[in-house]
Amino acid sequence: MTMNVAETVTFTLNAGVTPEEFLKLSYASEEFVRSNPGFIFRRLSSGADGAWTDTVIWKDMETALEVADSFGKQDFAPALMAVIDGDSVAIRHENIHWTLAPS
């Protein structure tokens, strides 16, 4: 059985970067993510502590890893990565075993 995969990227922004600036740059990645046939869902969130979480659900691990590998090679990536504190980035790819949604 093929399992969907949750890609979770946590990070903080560089000093002086506003959430609005970061979101504007993030929107540039929408077409790339959405165009991948294994894309299911994406959510970008932040906490009061300044930490951000980018969650993407992919159809399988192969797709998740392929997209992660090619993400940094996209035209929008340098500007987006320039506002993120590189030392704060943590990426996880996990198989989804259970999901609860409203009925």
PDB file of N, CA and C in Angstrom:
ATOM      1  N   MET A   1       0.834  -1.191   0.000  1.00  0.00           N
ATOM      2  CA  MET A   1       0.000   0.000   0.000  1.00  0.00           C
ATOM      3  C   MET A   1       0.874   1.249   0.000  1.00  0.00           C
ATOM      4  N   THR A   2       0.595   2.162  -0.910  1.00  0.00           N
ATOM      5  CA  THR A   2       1.315   3.427  -0.974  1.00  0.00           C
ATOM      6  C   THR A   2       0.700   4.392   0.029  1.00  0.00           C
ATOM      7  N   MET A   3       1.558   5.014   0.833  1.00  0.00           N
ATOM      8  CA  MET A   3       1.086   5.966   1.839  1.00  0.00           C
ATOM      9  C   MET A   3       1.362   7.384   1.384  1.00  0.00           C
ATOM     10  N   ASN A   4       0.422   8.280   1.689  1.00  0.00           N
ATOM     11  CA  ASN A   4       0.692   9.698   1.483  1.00  0.00           C
ATOM     12  C   ASN A   4       1.811  10.105   2.428  1.00  0.00           C
ATOM     13  N   VAL A   5       2.487  11.194   2.083  1.00  0.00           N
ATOM     14  CA  VAL A   5       3.632  11.654   2.858  1.00  0.00           C
ATOM     15  C   VAL A   5       3.425  13.106   3.274  1.00  0.00           C
ATOM     16  N   ALA A   6       3.737  13.385   4.531  1.00  0.00           N
ATOM     17  CA  ALA A   6       3.716  14.757   5.035  1.00  0.00           C
ATOM     18  C   ALA A   6       5.147  15.290   5.011  1.00  0.00           C
ATOM     19  N   GLU A   7       5.322  16.366   4.277  1.00  0.00           N
ATOM     20  CA  GLU A   7       6.609  17.072   4.289  1.00  0.00           C
ATOM     21  C   GLU A   7       6.435  18.255   5.227  1.00  0.00           C
ATOM     22  N   THR A   8       7.248  18.328   6.253  1.00  0.00           N
ATOM     23  CA  THR A   8       7.154  19.405   7.234  1.00  0.00           C
ATOM     24  C   THR A   8       8.482  20.131   7.287  1.00  0.00           C
ATOM     25  N   VAL A   9       8.450  21.415   6.974  1.00  0.00           N
ATOM     26  CA  VAL A   9       9.648  22.241   7.009  1.00  0.00           C
ATOM     27  C   VAL A   9       9.430  23.321   8.063  1.00  0.00           C
ATOM     28  N   THR A  10      10.308  23.368   9.055  1.00  0.00           N
ATOM     29  CA  THR A  10      10.223  24.402  10.083  1.00  0.00           C
ATOM     30  C   THR A  10      11.429  25.325   9.948  1.00  0.00           C
ATOM     31  N   PHE A  11      11.225  26.607  10.281  1.00  0.00           N
ATOM     32  CA  PHE A  11      12.290  27.594  10.094  1.00  0.00           C
ATOM     33  C   PHE A  11      11.888  28.905  10.750  1.00  0.00           C
ATOM     34  N   THR A  12      12.835  29.820  10.819  1.00  0.00           N
ATOM     35  CA  THR A  12      12.562  31.196  11.216  1.00  0.00           C
ATOM     36  C   THR A  12      13.041  32.113  10.095  1.00  0.00           C
ATOM     37  N   LEU A  13      12.514  33.306  10.083  1.00  0.00           N
ATOM     38  CA  LEU A  13      12.914  34.296   9.090  1.00  0.00           C
ATOM     39  C   LEU A  13      14.129  35.059   9.593  1.00  0.00           C
ATOM     40  N   ASN A  14      14.890  35.612   8.665  1.00  0.00           N
ATOM     41  CA  ASN A  14      16.013  36.459   9.043  1.00  0.00           C
ATOM     42  C   ASN A  14      15.488  37.719   9.720  1.00  0.00           C
ATOM     43  N   ALA A  15      16.310  38.302  10.570  1.00  0.00           N
ATOM     44  CA  ALA A  15      15.943  39.526  11.279  1.00  0.00           C
ATOM     45  C   ALA A  15      15.535  40.600  10.277  1.00  0.00           C
ATOM     46  N   GLY A  16      14.452  41.284  10.585  1.00  0.00           N
ATOM     47  CA  GLY A  16      13.985  42.386   9.767  1.00  0.00           C
ATOM     48  C   GLY A  16      13.029  42.001   8.647  1.00  0.00           C
ATOM     49  N   VAL A  17      12.854  40.709   8.394  1.00  0.00           N
ATOM     50  CA  VAL A  17      11.928  40.261   7.347  1.00  0.00           C
ATOM     51  C   VAL A  17      10.525  40.186   7.951  1.00  0.00           C
ATOM     52  N   THR A  18       9.576  40.844   7.337  1.00  0.00           N
ATOM     53  CA  THR A  18       8.215  40.832   7.856  1.00  0.00           C
ATOM     54  C   THR A  18       7.454  39.619   7.311  1.00  0.00           C
ATOM     55  N   PRO A  19       6.434  39.181   8.031  1.00  0.00           N
ATOM     56  CA  PRO A  19       5.603  38.092   7.504  1.00  0.00           C
ATOM     57  C   PRO A  19       5.030  38.429   6.125  1.00  0.00           C
ATOM     58  N   GLU A  20       4.642  39.663   5.919  1.00  0.00           N
ATOM     59  CA  GLU A  20       4.069  40.066   4.632  1.00  0.00           C
ATOM     60  C   GLU A  20       5.089  39.917   3.493  1.00  0.00           C
ATOM     61  N   GLU A  21       6.332  40.304   3.755  1.00  0.00           N
ATOM     62  CA  GLU A  21       7.391  40.141   2.746  1.00  0.00           C
ATOM     63  C   GLU A  21       7.612  38.667   2.428  1.00  0.00           C
ATOM     64  N   PHE A  22       7.648  37.863   3.482  1.00  0.00           N
ATOM     65  CA  PHE A  22       7.874  36.431   3.293  1.00  0.00           C
ATOM     66  C   PHE A  22       6.721  35.785   2.518  1.00  0.00           C
ATOM     67  N   LEU A  23       5.501  36.124   2.871  1.00  0.00           N
ATOM     68  CA  LEU A  23       4.344  35.545   2.179  1.00  0.00           C
ATOM     69  C   LEU A  23       4.337  35.921   0.702  1.00  0.00           C
ATOM     70  N   LYS A  24       4.677  37.160   0.391  1.00  0.00           N
ATOM     71  CA  LYS A  24       4.727  37.584  -1.005  1.00  0.00           C
ATOM     72  C   LYS A  24       5.717  36.714  -1.784  1.00  0.00           C
ATOM     73  N   LEU A  25       6.872  36.447  -1.196  1.00  0.00           N
ATOM     74  CA  LEU A  25       7.863  35.597  -1.852  1.00  0.00           C
ATOM     75  C   LEU A  25       7.377  34.152  -1.934  1.00  0.00           C
ATOM     76  N   SER A  26       6.668  33.700  -0.922  1.00  0.00           N
ATOM     77  CA  SER A  26       6.167  32.322  -0.888  1.00  0.00           C
ATOM     78  C   SER A  26       5.138  32.068  -1.979  1.00  0.00           C
ATOM     79  N   TYR A  27       4.316  33.067  -2.267  1.00  0.00           N
ATOM     80  CA  TYR A  27       3.296  32.900  -3.303  1.00  0.00           C
ATOM     81  C   TYR A  27       3.915  32.535  -4.657  1.00  0.00           C
ATOM     82  N   ALA A  28       5.162  32.946  -4.869  1.00  0.00           N
ATOM     83  CA  ALA A  28       5.839  32.646  -6.135  1.00  0.00           C
ATOM     84  C   ALA A  28       6.072  31.148  -6.309  1.00  0.00           C
ATOM     85  N   SER A  29       6.033  30.381  -5.221  1.00  0.00           N
ATOM     86  CA  SER A  29       6.249  28.928  -5.300  1.00  0.00           C
ATOM     87  C   SER A  29       4.957  28.158  -5.575  1.00  0.00           C
ATOM     88  N   GLU A  30       3.825  28.843  -5.567  1.00  0.00           N
ATOM     89  CA  GLU A  30       2.528  28.176  -5.682  1.00  0.00           C
ATOM     90  C   GLU A  30       2.390  27.374  -6.974  1.00  0.00           C
ATOM     91  N   GLU A  31       2.721  27.963  -8.098  1.00  0.00           N
ATOM     92  CA  GLU A  31       2.553  27.262  -9.372  1.00  0.00           C
ATOM     93  C   GLU A  31       3.429  26.016  -9.431  1.00  0.00           C
ATOM     94  N   PHE A  32       4.671  26.130  -8.953  1.00  0.00           N
ATOM     95  CA  PHE A  32       5.582  24.982  -8.954  1.00  0.00           C
ATOM     96  C   PHE A  32       5.014  23.833  -8.118  1.00  0.00           C
ATOM     97  N   VAL A  33       4.579  24.136  -6.902  1.00  0.00           N
ATOM     98  CA  VAL A  33       4.048  23.094  -6.015  1.00  0.00           C
ATOM     99  C   VAL A  33       2.770  22.499  -6.604  1.00  0.00           C
ATOM    100  N   ARG A  34       1.848  23.356  -6.989  1.00  0.00           N
ATOM    101  CA  ARG A  34       0.557  22.912  -7.501  1.00  0.00           C
ATOM    102  C   ARG A  34       0.692  22.084  -8.781  1.00  0.00           C
ATOM    103  N   SER A  35       1.699  22.364  -9.601  1.00  0.00           N
ATOM    104  CA  SER A  35       1.842  21.674 -10.881  1.00  0.00           C
ATOM    105  C   SER A  35       2.383  20.247 -10.751  1.00  0.00           C
ATOM    106  N   ASN A  36       2.894  19.891  -9.601  1.00  0.00           N
ATOM    107  CA  ASN A  36       3.391  18.532  -9.407  1.00  0.00           C
ATOM    108  C   ASN A  36       2.216  17.581  -9.242  1.00  0.00           C
ATOM    109  N   PRO A  37       2.162  16.506 -10.045  1.00  0.00           N
ATOM    110  CA  PRO A  37       0.992  15.622 -10.022  1.00  0.00           C
ATOM    111  C   PRO A  37       0.762  14.934  -8.673  1.00  0.00           C
ATOM    112  N   GLY A  38       1.753  14.872  -7.825  1.00  0.00           N
ATOM    113  CA  GLY A  38       1.581  14.236  -6.522  1.00  0.00           C
ATOM    114  C   GLY A  38       1.173  15.175  -5.416  1.00  0.00           C
ATOM    115  N   PHE A  39       0.920  16.446  -5.747  1.00  0.00           N
ATOM    116  CA  PHE A  39       0.531  17.436  -4.739  1.00  0.00           C
ATOM    117  C   PHE A  39      -0.895  17.199  -4.269  1.00  0.00           C
ATOM    118  N   ILE A  40      -1.098  17.244  -2.942  1.00  0.00           N
ATOM    119  CA  ILE A  40      -2.430  17.082  -2.364  1.00  0.00           C
ATOM    120  C   ILE A  40      -2.868  18.326  -1.590  1.00  0.00           C
ATOM    121  N   PHE A  41      -1.970  18.874  -0.755  1.00  0.00           N
ATOM    122  CA  PHE A  41      -2.374  19.940   0.174  1.00  0.00           C
ATOM    123  C   PHE A  41      -1.135  20.693   0.635  1.00  0.00           C
ATOM    124  N   ARG A  42      -1.290  21.991   0.912  1.00  0.00           N
ATOM    125  CA  ARG A  42      -0.191  22.776   1.495  1.00  0.00           C
ATOM    126  C   ARG A  42      -0.755  23.781   2.481  1.00  0.00           C
ATOM    127  N   ARG A  43      -0.003  23.975   3.580  1.00  0.00           N
ATOM    128  CA  ARG A  43      -0.377  24.967   4.601  1.00  0.00           C
ATOM    129  C   ARG A  43       0.895  25.631   5.106  1.00  0.00           C
ATOM    130  N   LEU A  44       0.886  26.948   5.213  1.00  0.00           N
ATOM    131  CA  LEU A  44       1.994  27.714   5.763  1.00  0.00           C
ATOM    132  C   LEU A  44       1.482  28.411   7.011  1.00  0.00           C
ATOM    133  N   SER A  45       2.140  28.162   8.139  1.00  0.00           N
ATOM    134  CA  SER A  45       1.673  28.735   9.402  1.00  0.00           C
ATOM    135  C   SER A  45       2.853  29.280  10.200  1.00  0.00           C
ATOM    136  N   SER A  46       2.532  30.150  11.169  1.00  0.00           N
ATOM    137  CA  SER A  46       3.583  30.690  12.047  1.00  0.00           C
ATOM    138  C   SER A  46       3.041  30.836  13.449  1.00  0.00           C
ATOM    139  N   GLY A  47       3.963  30.824  14.408  1.00  0.00           N
ATOM    140  CA  GLY A  47       3.597  30.952  15.809  1.00  0.00           C
ATOM    141  C   GLY A  47       4.030  32.289  16.379  1.00  0.00           C
ATOM    142  N   ALA A  48       3.561  32.572  17.571  1.00  0.00           N
ATOM    143  CA  ALA A  48       3.908  33.825  18.242  1.00  0.00           C
ATOM    144  C   ALA A  48       5.406  33.924  18.510  1.00  0.00           C
ATOM    145  N   ASP A  49       6.093  32.780  18.532  1.00  0.00           N
ATOM    146  CA  ASP A  49       7.532  32.765  18.785  1.00  0.00           C
ATOM    147  C   ASP A  49       8.368  33.061  17.545  1.00  0.00           C
ATOM    148  N   GLY A  50       7.704  33.274  16.386  1.00  0.00           N
ATOM    149  CA  GLY A  50       8.422  33.579  15.155  1.00  0.00           C
ATOM    150  C   GLY A  50       8.787  32.365  14.328  1.00  0.00           C
ATOM    151  N   ALA A  51       8.471  31.169  14.821  1.00  0.00           N
ATOM    152  CA  ALA A  51       8.748  29.948  14.059  1.00  0.00           C
ATOM    153  C   ALA A  51       7.674  29.750  12.998  1.00  0.00           C
ATOM    154  N   TRP A  52       8.086  29.273  11.828  1.00  0.00           N
ATOM    155  CA  TRP A  52       7.182  29.004  10.712  1.00  0.00           C
ATOM    156  C   TRP A  52       7.179  27.517  10.418  1.00  0.00           C
ATOM    157  N   THR A  53       6.054  27.029   9.891  1.00  0.00           N
ATOM    158  CA  THR A  53       5.931  25.641   9.465  1.00  0.00           C
ATOM    159  C   THR A  53       5.270  25.612   8.102  1.00  0.00           C
ATOM    160  N   ASP A  54       5.943  24.964   7.155  1.00  0.00           N
ATOM    161  CA  ASP A  54       5.399  24.762   5.811  1.00  0.00           C
ATOM    162  C   ASP A  54       5.093  23.270   5.711  1.00  0.00           C
ATOM    163  N   THR A  55       3.826  22.931   5.611  1.00  0.00           N
ATOM    164  CA  THR A  55       3.385  21.539   5.549  1.00  0.00           C
ATOM    165  C   THR A  55       2.818  21.258   4.170  1.00  0.00           C
ATOM    166  N   VAL A  56       3.341  20.217   3.529  1.00  0.00           N
ATOM    167  CA  VAL A  56       2.830  19.806   2.230  1.00  0.00           C
ATOM    168  C   VAL A  56       2.528  18.314   2.295  1.00  0.00           C
ATOM    169  N   ILE A  57       1.373  17.933   1.786  1.00  0.00           N
ATOM    170  CA  ILE A  57       1.008  16.517   1.696  1.00  0.00           C
ATOM    171  C   ILE A  57       1.200  16.086   0.245  1.00  0.00           C
ATOM    172  N   TRP A  58       1.962  15.003   0.079  1.00  0.00           N
ATOM    173  CA  TRP A  58       2.263  14.444  -1.236  1.00  0.00           C
ATOM    174  C   TRP A  58       1.679  13.045  -1.348  1.00  0.00           C
ATOM    175  N   LYS A  59       1.481  12.575  -2.568  1.00  0.00           N
ATOM    176  CA  LYS A  59       0.874  11.263  -2.781  1.00  0.00           C
ATOM    177  C   LYS A  59       1.758  10.127  -2.293  1.00  0.00           C
ATOM    178  N   ASP A  60       3.090  10.310  -2.331  1.00  0.00           N
ATOM    179  CA  ASP A  60       3.995   9.233  -1.904  1.00  0.00           C
ATOM    180  C   ASP A  60       5.381   9.803  -1.613  1.00  0.00           C
ATOM    181  N   MET A  61       6.246   8.968  -1.041  1.00  0.00           N
ATOM    182  CA  MET A  61       7.588   9.400  -0.654  1.00  0.00           C
ATOM    183  C   MET A  61       8.426   9.764  -1.874  1.00  0.00           C
ATOM    184  N   GLU A  62       8.307   9.001  -2.940  1.00  0.00           N
ATOM    185  CA  GLU A  62       9.092   9.283  -4.150  1.00  0.00           C
ATOM    186  C   GLU A  62       8.822  10.699  -4.655  1.00  0.00           C
ATOM    187  N   THR A  63       7.556  11.057  -4.735  1.00  0.00           N
ATOM    188  CA  THR A  63       7.194  12.407  -5.183  1.00  0.00           C
ATOM    189  C   THR A  63       7.734  13.455  -4.227  1.00  0.00           C
ATOM    190  N   ALA A  64       7.541  13.243  -2.937  1.00  0.00           N
ATOM    191  CA  ALA A  64       7.989  14.215  -1.936  1.00  0.00           C
ATOM    192  C   ALA A  64       9.489  14.476  -2.058  1.00  0.00           C
ATOM    193  N   LEU A  65      10.267  13.430  -2.194  1.00  0.00           N
ATOM    194  CA  LEU A  65      11.720  13.587  -2.277  1.00  0.00           C
ATOM    195  C   LEU A  65      12.155  14.218  -3.594  1.00  0.00           C
ATOM    196  N   GLU A  66      11.490  13.868  -4.687  1.00  0.00           N
ATOM    197  CA  GLU A  66      11.813  14.472  -5.985  1.00  0.00           C
ATOM    198  C   GLU A  66      11.543  15.976  -5.975  1.00  0.00           C
ATOM    199  N   VAL A  67      10.404  16.359  -5.441  1.00  0.00           N
ATOM    200  CA  VAL A  67      10.054  17.781  -5.404  1.00  0.00           C
ATOM    201  C   VAL A  67      10.992  18.529  -4.460  1.00  0.00           C
ATOM    202  N   ALA A  68      11.291  17.945  -3.314  1.00  0.00           N
ATOM    203  CA  ALA A  68      12.210  18.594  -2.369  1.00  0.00           C
ATOM    204  C   ALA A  68      13.569  18.827  -3.017  1.00  0.00           C
ATOM    205  N   ASP A  69      14.024  17.855  -3.790  1.00  0.00           N
ATOM    206  CA  ASP A  69      15.320  17.970  -4.456  1.00  0.00           C
ATOM    207  C   ASP A  69      15.317  19.063  -5.520  1.00  0.00           C
ATOM    208  N   SER A  70      14.212  19.247  -6.209  1.00  0.00           N
ATOM    209  CA  SER A  70      14.168  20.229  -7.295  1.00  0.00           C
ATOM    210  C   SER A  70      13.724  21.619  -6.845  1.00  0.00           C
ATOM    211  N   PHE A  71      13.189  21.744  -5.635  1.00  0.00           N
ATOM    212  CA  PHE A  71      12.664  23.023  -5.143  1.00  0.00           C
ATOM    213  C   PHE A  71      13.717  24.132  -5.225  1.00  0.00           C
ATOM    214  N   GLY A  72      14.896  23.867  -4.728  1.00  0.00           N
ATOM    215  CA  GLY A  72      15.952  24.876  -4.687  1.00  0.00           C
ATOM    216  C   GLY A  72      16.485  25.277  -6.046  1.00  0.00           C
ATOM    217  N   LYS A  73      16.139  24.536  -7.084  1.00  0.00           N
ATOM    218  CA  LYS A  73      16.608  24.823  -8.440  1.00  0.00           C
ATOM    219  C   LYS A  73      15.632  25.709  -9.221  1.00  0.00           C
ATOM    220  N   GLN A  74      14.527  26.067  -8.602  1.00  0.00           N
ATOM    221  CA  GLN A  74      13.502  26.870  -9.276  1.00  0.00           C
ATOM    222  C   GLN A  74      13.881  28.354  -9.252  1.00  0.00           C
ATOM    223  N   ASP A  75      13.365  29.127 -10.206  1.00  0.00           N
ATOM    224  CA  ASP A  75      13.698  30.550 -10.330  1.00  0.00           C
ATOM    225  C   ASP A  75      13.345  31.357  -9.083  1.00  0.00           C
ATOM    226  N   PHE A  76      12.271  31.001  -8.402  1.00  0.00           N
ATOM    227  CA  PHE A  76      11.827  31.756  -7.233  1.00  0.00           C
ATOM    228  C   PHE A  76      12.645  31.444  -5.983  1.00  0.00           C
ATOM    229  N   ALA A  77      13.359  30.339  -5.972  1.00  0.00           N
ATOM    230  CA  ALA A  77      14.003  29.840  -4.755  1.00  0.00           C
ATOM    231  C   ALA A  77      15.066  30.762  -4.150  1.00  0.00           C
ATOM    232  N   PRO A  78      15.972  31.342  -4.926  1.00  0.00           N
ATOM    233  CA  PRO A  78      17.000  32.182  -4.282  1.00  0.00           C
ATOM    234  C   PRO A  78      16.425  33.323  -3.444  1.00  0.00           C
ATOM    235  N   ALA A  79      15.421  34.019  -3.963  1.00  0.00           N
ATOM    236  CA  ALA A  79      14.823  35.128  -3.205  1.00  0.00           C
ATOM    237  C   ALA A  79      14.121  34.619  -1.953  1.00  0.00           C
ATOM    238  N   LEU A  80      13.442  33.503  -2.082  1.00  0.00           N
ATOM    239  CA  LEU A  80      12.731  32.935  -0.940  1.00  0.00           C
ATOM    240  C   LEU A  80      13.715  32.462   0.134  1.00  0.00           C
ATOM    241  N   MET A  81      14.739  31.759  -0.286  1.00  0.00           N
ATOM    242  CA  MET A  81      15.710  31.226   0.680  1.00  0.00           C
ATOM    243  C   MET A  81      16.539  32.335   1.329  1.00  0.00           C
ATOM    244  N   ALA A  82      16.690  33.472   0.648  1.00  0.00           N
ATOM    245  CA  ALA A  82      17.483  34.574   1.181  1.00  0.00           C
ATOM    246  C   ALA A  82      16.864  35.215   2.417  1.00  0.00           C
ATOM    247  N   VAL A  83      15.561  35.056   2.619  1.00  0.00           N
ATOM    248  CA  VAL A  83      14.905  35.678   3.778  1.00  0.00           C
ATOM    249  C   VAL A  83      14.726  34.698   4.932  1.00  0.00           C
ATOM    250  N   ILE A  84      15.130  33.441   4.737  1.00  0.00           N
ATOM    251  CA  ILE A  84      15.005  32.407   5.765  1.00  0.00           C
ATOM    252  C   ILE A  84      16.351  32.182   6.438  1.00  0.00           C
ATOM    253  N   ASP A  85      16.350  32.059   7.756  1.00  0.00           N
ATOM    254  CA  ASP A  85      17.565  31.735   8.500  1.00  0.00           C
ATOM    255  C   ASP A  85      17.932  30.283   8.202  1.00  0.00           C
ATOM    256  N   GLY A  86      18.936  30.083   7.370  1.00  0.00           N
ATOM    257  CA  GLY A  86      19.315  28.744   6.926  1.00  0.00           C
ATOM    258  C   GLY A  86      19.651  27.791   8.051  1.00  0.00           C
ATOM    259  N   ASP A  87      20.213  28.305   9.143  1.00  0.00           N
ATOM    260  CA  ASP A  87      20.562  27.446  10.286  1.00  0.00           C
ATOM    261  C   ASP A  87      19.334  26.940  11.031  1.00  0.00           C
ATOM    262  N   SER A  88      18.191  27.569  10.798  1.00  0.00           N
ATOM    263  CA  SER A  88      16.979  27.183  11.532  1.00  0.00           C
ATOM    264  C   SER A  88      16.137  26.152  10.786  1.00  0.00           C
ATOM    265  N   VAL A  89      16.503  25.838   9.554  1.00  0.00           N
ATOM    266  CA  VAL A  89      15.671  24.975   8.710  1.00  0.00           C
ATOM    267  C   VAL A  89      15.794  23.503   9.123  1.00  0.00           C
ATOM    268  N   ALA A  90      14.635  22.870   9.303  1.00  0.00           N
ATOM    269  CA  ALA A  90      14.558  21.423   9.551  1.00  0.00           C
ATOM    270  C   ALA A  90      13.478  20.861   8.630  1.00  0.00           C
ATOM    271  N   ILE A  91      13.824  19.785   7.910  1.00  0.00           N
ATOM    272  CA  ILE A  91      12.895  19.171   6.960  1.00  0.00           C
ATOM    273  C   ILE A  91      12.672  17.722   7.356  1.00  0.00           C
ATOM    274  N   ARG A  92      11.395  17.335   7.373  1.00  0.00           N
ATOM    275  CA  ARG A  92      11.030  15.947   7.669  1.00  0.00           C
ATOM    276  C   ARG A  92      10.058  15.448   6.613  1.00  0.00           C
ATOM    277  N   HIS A  93      10.212  14.191   6.252  1.00  0.00           N
ATOM    278  CA  HIS A  93       9.265  13.505   5.362  1.00  0.00           C
ATOM    279  C   HIS A  93       8.780  12.281   6.119  1.00  0.00           C
ATOM    280  N   GLU A  94       7.474  12.228   6.364  1.00  0.00           N
ATOM    281  CA  GLU A  94       6.904  11.150   7.170  1.00  0.00           C
ATOM    282  C   GLU A  94       5.701  10.529   6.482  1.00  0.00           C
ATOM    283  N   ASN A  95       5.598   9.210   6.585  1.00  0.00           N
ATOM    284  CA  ASN A  95       4.420   8.508   6.073  1.00  0.00           C
ATOM    285  C   ASN A  95       3.216   8.847   6.938  1.00  0.00           C
ATOM    286  N   ILE A  96       2.081   9.082   6.297  1.00  0.00           N
ATOM    287  CA  ILE A  96       0.844   9.376   7.023  1.00  0.00           C
ATOM    288  C   ILE A  96       0.115   8.058   7.260  1.00  0.00           C
ATOM    289  N   HIS A  97      -0.098   7.756   8.520  1.00  0.00           N
ATOM    290  CA  HIS A  97      -0.757   6.495   8.894  1.00  0.00           C
ATOM    291  C   HIS A  97      -2.237   6.677   9.201  1.00  0.00           C
ATOM    292  N   TRP A  98      -2.637   7.889   9.542  1.00  0.00           N
ATOM    293  CA  TRP A  98      -4.018   8.115   9.939  1.00  0.00           C
ATOM    294  C   TRP A  98      -4.355   9.584   9.754  1.00  0.00           C
ATOM    295  N   THR A  99      -5.537   9.859   9.281  1.00  0.00           N
ATOM    296  CA  THR A  99      -6.028  11.234   9.108  1.00  0.00           C
ATOM    297  C   THR A  99      -7.459  11.303   9.620  1.00  0.00           C
ATOM    298  N   LEU A 100      -7.751  12.366  10.332  1.00  0.00           N
ATOM    299  CA  LEU A 100      -9.111  12.615  10.812  1.00  0.00           C
ATOM    300  C   LEU A 100      -9.597  13.907  10.189  1.00  0.00           C
ATOM    301  N   ALA A 101     -10.718  13.862   9.549  1.00  0.00           N
ATOM    302  CA  ALA A 101     -11.315  15.048   8.934  1.00  0.00           C
ATOM    303  C   ALA A 101     -12.781  15.124   9.337  1.00  0.00           C
ATOM    304  N   PRO A 102     -13.362  16.312   9.251  1.00  0.00           N
ATOM    305  CA  PRO A 102     -14.786  16.432   9.585  1.00  0.00           C
ATOM    306  C   PRO A 102     -15.622  15.511   8.702  1.00  0.00           C
ATOM    307  N   SER A 103     -16.681  14.983   9.279  1.00  0.00           N
ATOM    308  CA  SER A 103     -17.543  14.097   8.485  1.00  0.00           C
ATOM    309  C   SER A 103     -18.657  14.870   7.829  1.00  0.00           C
TER     310      SER A 103
END
